[in-house]
């Protein structure tokens, strides 16, 4: 698996798709980034299992 993977997710506020680059050397991550379209903060929970499968959960930052 590459050191960094491109992942596309839907914004929980406006529904637009935005790019997320995941550092695959860290198996569990919590990221907060602003939507590139509506500028609201999005909380990402990223998990990478032993088979190098990426799981991303997206939610409003204020939940």
PDB file of N, CA and C in Angstrom:
ATOM      1  N   UNK A   1       0.844  -1.180   0.000  1.00  0.00           N
ATOM      2  CA  UNK A   1       0.000   0.000   0.000  1.00  0.00           C
ATOM      3  C   UNK A   1       0.883   1.235   0.000  1.00  0.00           C
ATOM      4  N   UNK A   2       0.485   2.254  -0.736  1.00  0.00           N
ATOM      5  CA  UNK A   2       1.226   3.506  -0.777  1.00  0.00           C
ATOM      6  C   UNK A   2       1.241   4.158   0.599  1.00  0.00           C
ATOM      7  N   UNK A   3       2.193   5.020   0.809  1.00  0.00           N
ATOM      8  CA  UNK A   3       2.287   5.740   2.069  1.00  0.00           C
ATOM      9  C   UNK A   3       1.098   6.676   2.248  1.00  0.00           C
ATOM     10  N   UNK A   4       0.561   7.187   1.143  1.00  0.00           N
ATOM     11  CA  UNK A   4      -0.581   8.093   1.191  1.00  0.00           C
ATOM     12  C   UNK A   4      -1.615   7.641   0.174  1.00  0.00           C
ATOM     13  N   UNK A   5      -2.879   7.569   0.597  1.00  0.00           N
ATOM     14  CA  UNK A   5      -3.965   7.143  -0.287  1.00  0.00           C
ATOM     15  C   UNK A   5      -4.973   8.276  -0.466  1.00  0.00           C
ATOM     16  N   UNK A   6      -5.487   8.399  -1.677  1.00  0.00           N
ATOM     17  CA  UNK A   6      -6.536   9.361  -2.004  1.00  0.00           C
ATOM     18  C   UNK A   6      -7.880   8.717  -1.694  1.00  0.00           C
ATOM     19  N   UNK A   7      -8.741   9.431  -1.010  1.00  0.00           N
ATOM     20  CA  UNK A   7     -10.058   8.915  -0.647  1.00  0.00           C
ATOM     21  C   UNK A   7     -11.053  10.041  -0.872  1.00  0.00           C
ATOM     22  N   UNK A   8     -12.197   9.746  -1.461  1.00  0.00           N
ATOM     23  CA  UNK A   8     -13.209  10.755  -1.726  1.00  0.00           C
ATOM     24  C   UNK A   8     -14.401  10.529  -0.809  1.00  0.00           C
ATOM     25  N   UNK A   9     -14.829  11.592  -0.115  1.00  0.00           N
ATOM     26  CA  UNK A   9     -15.936  11.485   0.840  1.00  0.00           C
ATOM     27  C   UNK A   9     -16.953  12.588   0.580  1.00  0.00           C
ATOM     28  N   UNK A  10     -18.182  12.337   1.034  1.00  0.00           N
ATOM     29  CA  UNK A  10     -19.261  13.299   0.892  1.00  0.00           C
ATOM     30  C   UNK A  10     -19.369  14.145   2.159  1.00  0.00           C
ATOM     31  N   UNK A  11     -19.461  15.451   2.000  1.00  0.00           N
ATOM     32  CA  UNK A  11     -19.600  16.370   3.127  1.00  0.00           C
ATOM     33  C   UNK A  11     -20.940  16.123   3.826  1.00  0.00           C
ATOM     34  N   UNK A  12     -20.954  15.987   5.166  1.00  0.00           N
ATOM     35  CA  UNK A  12     -22.214  15.753   5.881  1.00  0.00           C
ATOM     36  C   UNK A  12     -23.114  16.988   5.924  1.00  0.00           C
ATOM     37  N   UNK A  13     -22.603  18.151   5.553  1.00  0.00           N
ATOM     38  CA  UNK A  13     -23.397  19.383   5.548  1.00  0.00           C
ATOM     39  C   UNK A  13     -24.033  19.641   4.184  1.00  0.00           C
ATOM     40  N   UNK A  14     -23.182  19.743   3.136  1.00  0.00           N
ATOM     41  CA  UNK A  14     -23.674  20.154   1.818  1.00  0.00           C
ATOM     42  C   UNK A  14     -23.787  19.002   0.826  1.00  0.00           C
ATOM     43  N   UNK A  15     -23.206  17.841   1.151  1.00  0.00           N
ATOM     44  CA  UNK A  15     -23.309  16.674   0.286  1.00  0.00           C
ATOM     45  C   UNK A  15     -22.310  16.615  -0.852  1.00  0.00           C
ATOM     46  N   UNK A  16     -21.522  17.661  -1.040  1.00  0.00           N
ATOM     47  CA  UNK A  16     -20.527  17.665  -2.104  1.00  0.00           C
ATOM     48  C   UNK A  16     -19.378  16.732  -1.749  1.00  0.00           C
ATOM     49  N   UNK A  17     -18.772  16.152  -2.774  1.00  0.00           N
ATOM     50  CA  UNK A  17     -17.626  15.268  -2.560  1.00  0.00           C
ATOM     51  C   UNK A  17     -16.352  16.096  -2.429  1.00  0.00           C
ATOM     52  N   UNK A  18     -15.494  15.655  -1.536  1.00  0.00           N
ATOM     53  CA  UNK A  18     -14.234  16.338  -1.286  1.00  0.00           C
ATOM     54  C   UNK A  18     -13.122  15.297  -1.151  1.00  0.00           C
ATOM     55  N   UNK A  19     -11.911  15.700  -1.458  1.00  0.00           N
ATOM     56  CA  UNK A  19     -10.764  14.785  -1.415  1.00  0.00           C
ATOM     57  C   UNK A  19     -10.166  14.739  -0.021  1.00  0.00           C
ATOM     58  N   UNK A  20      -9.758  13.565   0.374  1.00  0.00           N
ATOM     59  CA  UNK A  20      -9.069  13.357   1.642  1.00  0.00           C
ATOM     60  C   UNK A  20      -7.842  12.505   1.344  1.00  0.00           C
ATOM     61  N   UNK A  21      -6.686  12.961   1.775  1.00  0.00           N
ATOM     62  CA  UNK A  21      -5.461  12.184   1.618  1.00  0.00           C
ATOM     63  C   UNK A  21      -5.128  11.557   2.960  1.00  0.00           C
ATOM     64  N   UNK A  22      -5.003  10.238   2.975  1.00  0.00           N
ATOM     65  CA  UNK A  22      -4.825   9.471   4.202  1.00  0.00           C
ATOM     66  C   UNK A  22      -3.382   8.993   4.299  1.00  0.00           C
ATOM     67  N   UNK A  23      -2.763   9.246   5.439  1.00  0.00           N
ATOM     68  CA  UNK A  23      -1.417   8.754   5.727  1.00  0.00           C
ATOM     69  C   UNK A  23      -1.554   7.298   6.174  1.00  0.00           C
ATOM     70  N   UNK A  24      -1.159   6.373   5.334  1.00  0.00           N
ATOM     71  CA  UNK A  24      -1.357   4.941   5.594  1.00  0.00           C
ATOM     72  C   UNK A  24      -0.363   4.358   6.596  1.00  0.00           C
ATOM     73  N   UNK A  25       0.593   5.149   7.044  1.00  0.00           N
ATOM     74  CA  UNK A  25       1.524   4.655   8.052  1.00  0.00           C
ATOM     75  C   UNK A  25       0.933   4.726   9.456  1.00  0.00           C
ATOM     76  N   UNK A  26      -0.226   5.394   9.599  1.00  0.00           N
ATOM     77  CA  UNK A  26      -0.918   5.515  10.888  1.00  0.00           C
ATOM     78  C   UNK A  26      -2.234   4.753  10.773  1.00  0.00           C
ATOM     79  N   UNK A  27      -2.431   3.721  11.592  1.00  0.00           N
ATOM     80  CA  UNK A  27      -3.588   2.846  11.425  1.00  0.00           C
ATOM     81  C   UNK A  27      -4.881   3.397  12.020  1.00  0.00           C
ATOM     82  N   UNK A  28      -4.804   4.355  12.939  1.00  0.00           N
ATOM     83  CA  UNK A  28      -6.011   4.949  13.518  1.00  0.00           C
ATOM     84  C   UNK A  28      -5.795   6.451  13.630  1.00  0.00           C
ATOM     85  N   UNK A  29      -6.706   7.210  13.000  1.00  0.00           N
ATOM     86  CA  UNK A  29      -6.545   8.662  12.948  1.00  0.00           C
ATOM     87  C   UNK A  29      -7.886   9.355  13.126  1.00  0.00           C
ATOM     88  N   UNK A  30      -7.860  10.516  13.735  1.00  0.00           N
ATOM     89  CA  UNK A  30      -9.010  11.404  13.777  1.00  0.00           C
ATOM     90  C   UNK A  30      -8.551  12.726  13.189  1.00  0.00           C
ATOM     91  N   UNK A  31      -9.254  13.168  12.154  1.00  0.00           N
ATOM     92  CA  UNK A  31      -8.882  14.394  11.457  1.00  0.00           C
ATOM     93  C   UNK A  31     -10.067  15.348  11.457  1.00  0.00           C
ATOM     94  N   UNK A  32      -9.791  16.629  11.495  1.00  0.00           N
ATOM     95  CA  UNK A  32     -10.825  17.646  11.324  1.00  0.00           C
ATOM     96  C   UNK A  32     -10.336  18.572  10.232  1.00  0.00           C
ATOM     97  N   UNK A  33     -11.120  18.636   9.158  1.00  0.00           N
ATOM     98  CA  UNK A  33     -10.774  19.497   8.030  1.00  0.00           C
ATOM     99  C   UNK A  33     -12.035  20.203   7.555  1.00  0.00           C
ATOM    100  N   UNK A  34     -11.867  21.398   7.020  1.00  0.00           N
ATOM    101  CA  UNK A  34     -12.999  22.136   6.479  1.00  0.00           C
ATOM    102  C   UNK A  34     -13.374  21.609   5.106  1.00  0.00           C
ATOM    103  N   UNK A  35     -14.682  21.567   4.828  1.00  0.00           N
ATOM    104  CA  UNK A  35     -15.175  21.207   3.500  1.00  0.00           C
ATOM    105  C   UNK A  35     -14.646  22.223   2.499  1.00  0.00           C
ATOM    106  N   UNK A  36     -14.183  21.762   1.356  1.00  0.00           N
ATOM    107  CA  UNK A  36     -13.649  22.643   0.323  1.00  0.00           C
ATOM    108  C   UNK A  36     -14.740  23.459  -0.366  1.00  0.00           C
ATOM    109  N   UNK A  37     -16.018  23.073  -0.166  1.00  0.00           N
ATOM    110  CA  UNK A  37     -17.126  23.765  -0.814  1.00  0.00           C
ATOM    111  C   UNK A  37     -17.833  24.719   0.150  1.00  0.00           C
ATOM    112  N   UNK A  38     -18.315  24.198   1.310  1.00  0.00           N
ATOM    113  CA  UNK A  38     -19.099  25.030   2.230  1.00  0.00           C
ATOM    114  C   UNK A  38     -18.291  25.542   3.427  1.00  0.00           C
ATOM    115  N   UNK A  39     -17.035  25.113   3.558  1.00  0.00           N
ATOM    116  CA  UNK A  39     -16.093  25.592   4.586  1.00  0.00           C
ATOM    117  C   UNK A  39     -16.464  25.218   6.024  1.00  0.00           C
ATOM    118  N   UNK A  40     -17.379  24.282   6.217  1.00  0.00           N
ATOM    119  CA  UNK A  40     -17.721  23.834   7.569  1.00  0.00           C
ATOM    120  C   UNK A  40     -16.771  22.716   7.992  1.00  0.00           C
ATOM    121  N   UNK A  41     -16.503  22.598   9.310  1.00  0.00           N
ATOM    122  CA  UNK A  41     -15.567  21.573   9.781  1.00  0.00           C
ATOM    123  C   UNK A  41     -16.171  20.169   9.738  1.00  0.00           C
ATOM    124  N   UNK A  42     -15.407  19.222   9.209  1.00  0.00           N
ATOM    125  CA  UNK A  42     -15.827  17.824   9.111  1.00  0.00           C
ATOM    126  C   UNK A  42     -14.865  16.993   9.958  1.00  0.00           C
ATOM    127  N   UNK A  43     -15.419  16.080  10.759  1.00  0.00           N
ATOM    128  CA  UNK A  43     -14.614  15.166  11.562  1.00  0.00           C
ATOM    129  C   UNK A  43     -14.526  13.828  10.839  1.00  0.00           C
ATOM    130  N   UNK A  44     -13.298  13.355  10.614  1.00  0.00           N
ATOM    131  CA  UNK A  44     -13.044  12.084   9.946  1.00  0.00           C
ATOM    132  C   UNK A  44     -12.428  11.112  10.950  1.00  0.00           C
ATOM    133  N   UNK A  45     -12.955   9.904  11.013  1.00  0.00           N
ATOM    134  CA  UNK A  45     -12.348   8.822  11.789  1.00  0.00           C
ATOM    135  C   UNK A  45     -11.840   7.820  10.771  1.00  0.00           C
ATOM    136  N   UNK A  46     -10.530   7.616  10.725  1.00  0.00           N
ATOM    137  CA  UNK A  46      -9.900   6.747   9.736  1.00  0.00           C
ATOM    138  C   UNK A  46      -9.298   5.541  10.439  1.00  0.00           C
ATOM    139  N   UNK A  47      -9.637   4.345   9.962  1.00  0.00           N
ATOM    140  CA  UNK A  47      -9.076   3.103  10.486  1.00  0.00           C
ATOM    141  C   UNK A  47      -8.516   2.297   9.327  1.00  0.00           C
ATOM    142  N   UNK A  48      -7.340   1.711   9.534  1.00  0.00           N
ATOM    143  CA  UNK A  48      -6.727   0.835   8.543  1.00  0.00           C
ATOM    144  C   UNK A  48      -6.488  -0.501   9.228  1.00  0.00           C
ATOM    145  N   UNK A  49      -7.116  -1.562   8.696  1.00  0.00           N
ATOM    146  CA  UNK A  49      -7.002  -2.870   9.351  1.00  0.00           C
ATOM    147  C   UNK A  49      -5.734  -3.607   8.916  1.00  0.00           C
ATOM    148  N   UNK A  50      -5.558  -4.818   9.428  1.00  0.00           N
ATOM    149  CA  UNK A  50      -4.360  -5.613   9.136  1.00  0.00           C
ATOM    150  C   UNK A  50      -4.232  -5.986   7.660  1.00  0.00           C
ATOM    151  N   UNK A  51      -5.359  -5.968   6.931  1.00  0.00           N
ATOM    152  CA  UNK A  51      -5.350  -6.263   5.493  1.00  0.00           C
ATOM    153  C   UNK A  51      -5.165  -5.000   4.657  1.00  0.00           C
ATOM    154  N   UNK A  52      -4.838  -3.891   5.320  1.00  0.00           N
ATOM    155  CA  UNK A  52      -4.644  -2.584   4.679  1.00  0.00           C
ATOM    156  C   UNK A  52      -5.906  -2.029   4.028  1.00  0.00           C
ATOM    157  N   UNK A  53      -7.075  -2.427   4.520  1.00  0.00           N
ATOM    158  CA  UNK A  53      -8.336  -1.862   4.051  1.00  0.00           C
ATOM    159  C   UNK A  53      -8.640  -0.605   4.854  1.00  0.00           C
ATOM    160  N   UNK A  54      -9.030   0.435   4.150  1.00  0.00           N
ATOM    161  CA  UNK A  54      -9.287   1.730   4.778  1.00  0.00           C
ATOM    162  C   UNK A  54     -10.782   1.879   5.045  1.00  0.00           C
ATOM    163  N   UNK A  55     -11.105   2.322   6.253  1.00  0.00           N
ATOM    164  CA  UNK A  55     -12.480   2.622   6.637  1.00  0.00           C
ATOM    165  C   UNK A  55     -12.517   4.069   7.109  1.00  0.00           C
ATOM    166  N   UNK A  56     -13.430   4.871   6.533  1.00  0.00           N
ATOM    167  CA  UNK A  56     -13.528   6.279   6.899  1.00  0.00           C
ATOM    168  C   UNK A  56     -14.961   6.578   7.337  1.00  0.00           C
ATOM    169  N   UNK A  57     -15.101   7.136   8.538  1.00  0.00           N
ATOM    170  CA  UNK A  57     -16.398   7.608   9.038  1.00  0.00           C
ATOM    171  C   UNK A  57     -16.367   9.137   9.024  1.00  0.00           C
ATOM    172  N   UNK A  58     -17.448   9.729   8.559  1.00  0.00           N
ATOM    173  CA  UNK A  58     -17.533  11.179   8.429  1.00  0.00           C
ATOM    174  C   UNK A  58     -18.725  11.669   9.244  1.00  0.00           C
ATOM    175  N   UNK A  59     -18.540  12.779   9.987  1.00  0.00           N
ATOM    176  CA  UNK A  59     -19.658  13.326  10.745  1.00  0.00           C
ATOM    177  C   UNK A  59     -19.457  14.830  10.924  1.00  0.00           C
ATOM    178  N   UNK A  60     -20.572  15.492  11.319  1.00  0.00           N
ATOM    179  CA  UNK A  60     -20.483  16.917  11.651  1.00  0.00           C
ATOM    180  C   UNK A  60     -19.509  17.092  12.797  1.00  0.00           C
ATOM    181  N   UNK A  61     -18.775  18.165  12.799  1.00  0.00           N
ATOM    182  CA  UNK A  61     -17.835  18.421  13.869  1.00  0.00           C
ATOM    183  C   UNK A  61     -18.561  18.711  15.187  1.00  0.00           C
ATOM    184  N   UNK A  62     -19.768  19.269  15.140  1.00  0.00           N
ATOM    185  CA  UNK A  62     -20.469  19.647  16.372  1.00  0.00           C
ATOM    186  C   UNK A  62     -21.326  18.526  16.944  1.00  0.00           C
ATOM    187  N   UNK A  63     -21.180  17.288  16.503  1.00  0.00           N
ATOM    188  CA  UNK A  63     -21.931  16.154  17.069  1.00  0.00           C
ATOM    189  C   UNK A  63     -21.144  15.495  18.154  1.00  0.00           C
TER     190      UNK A  63
END
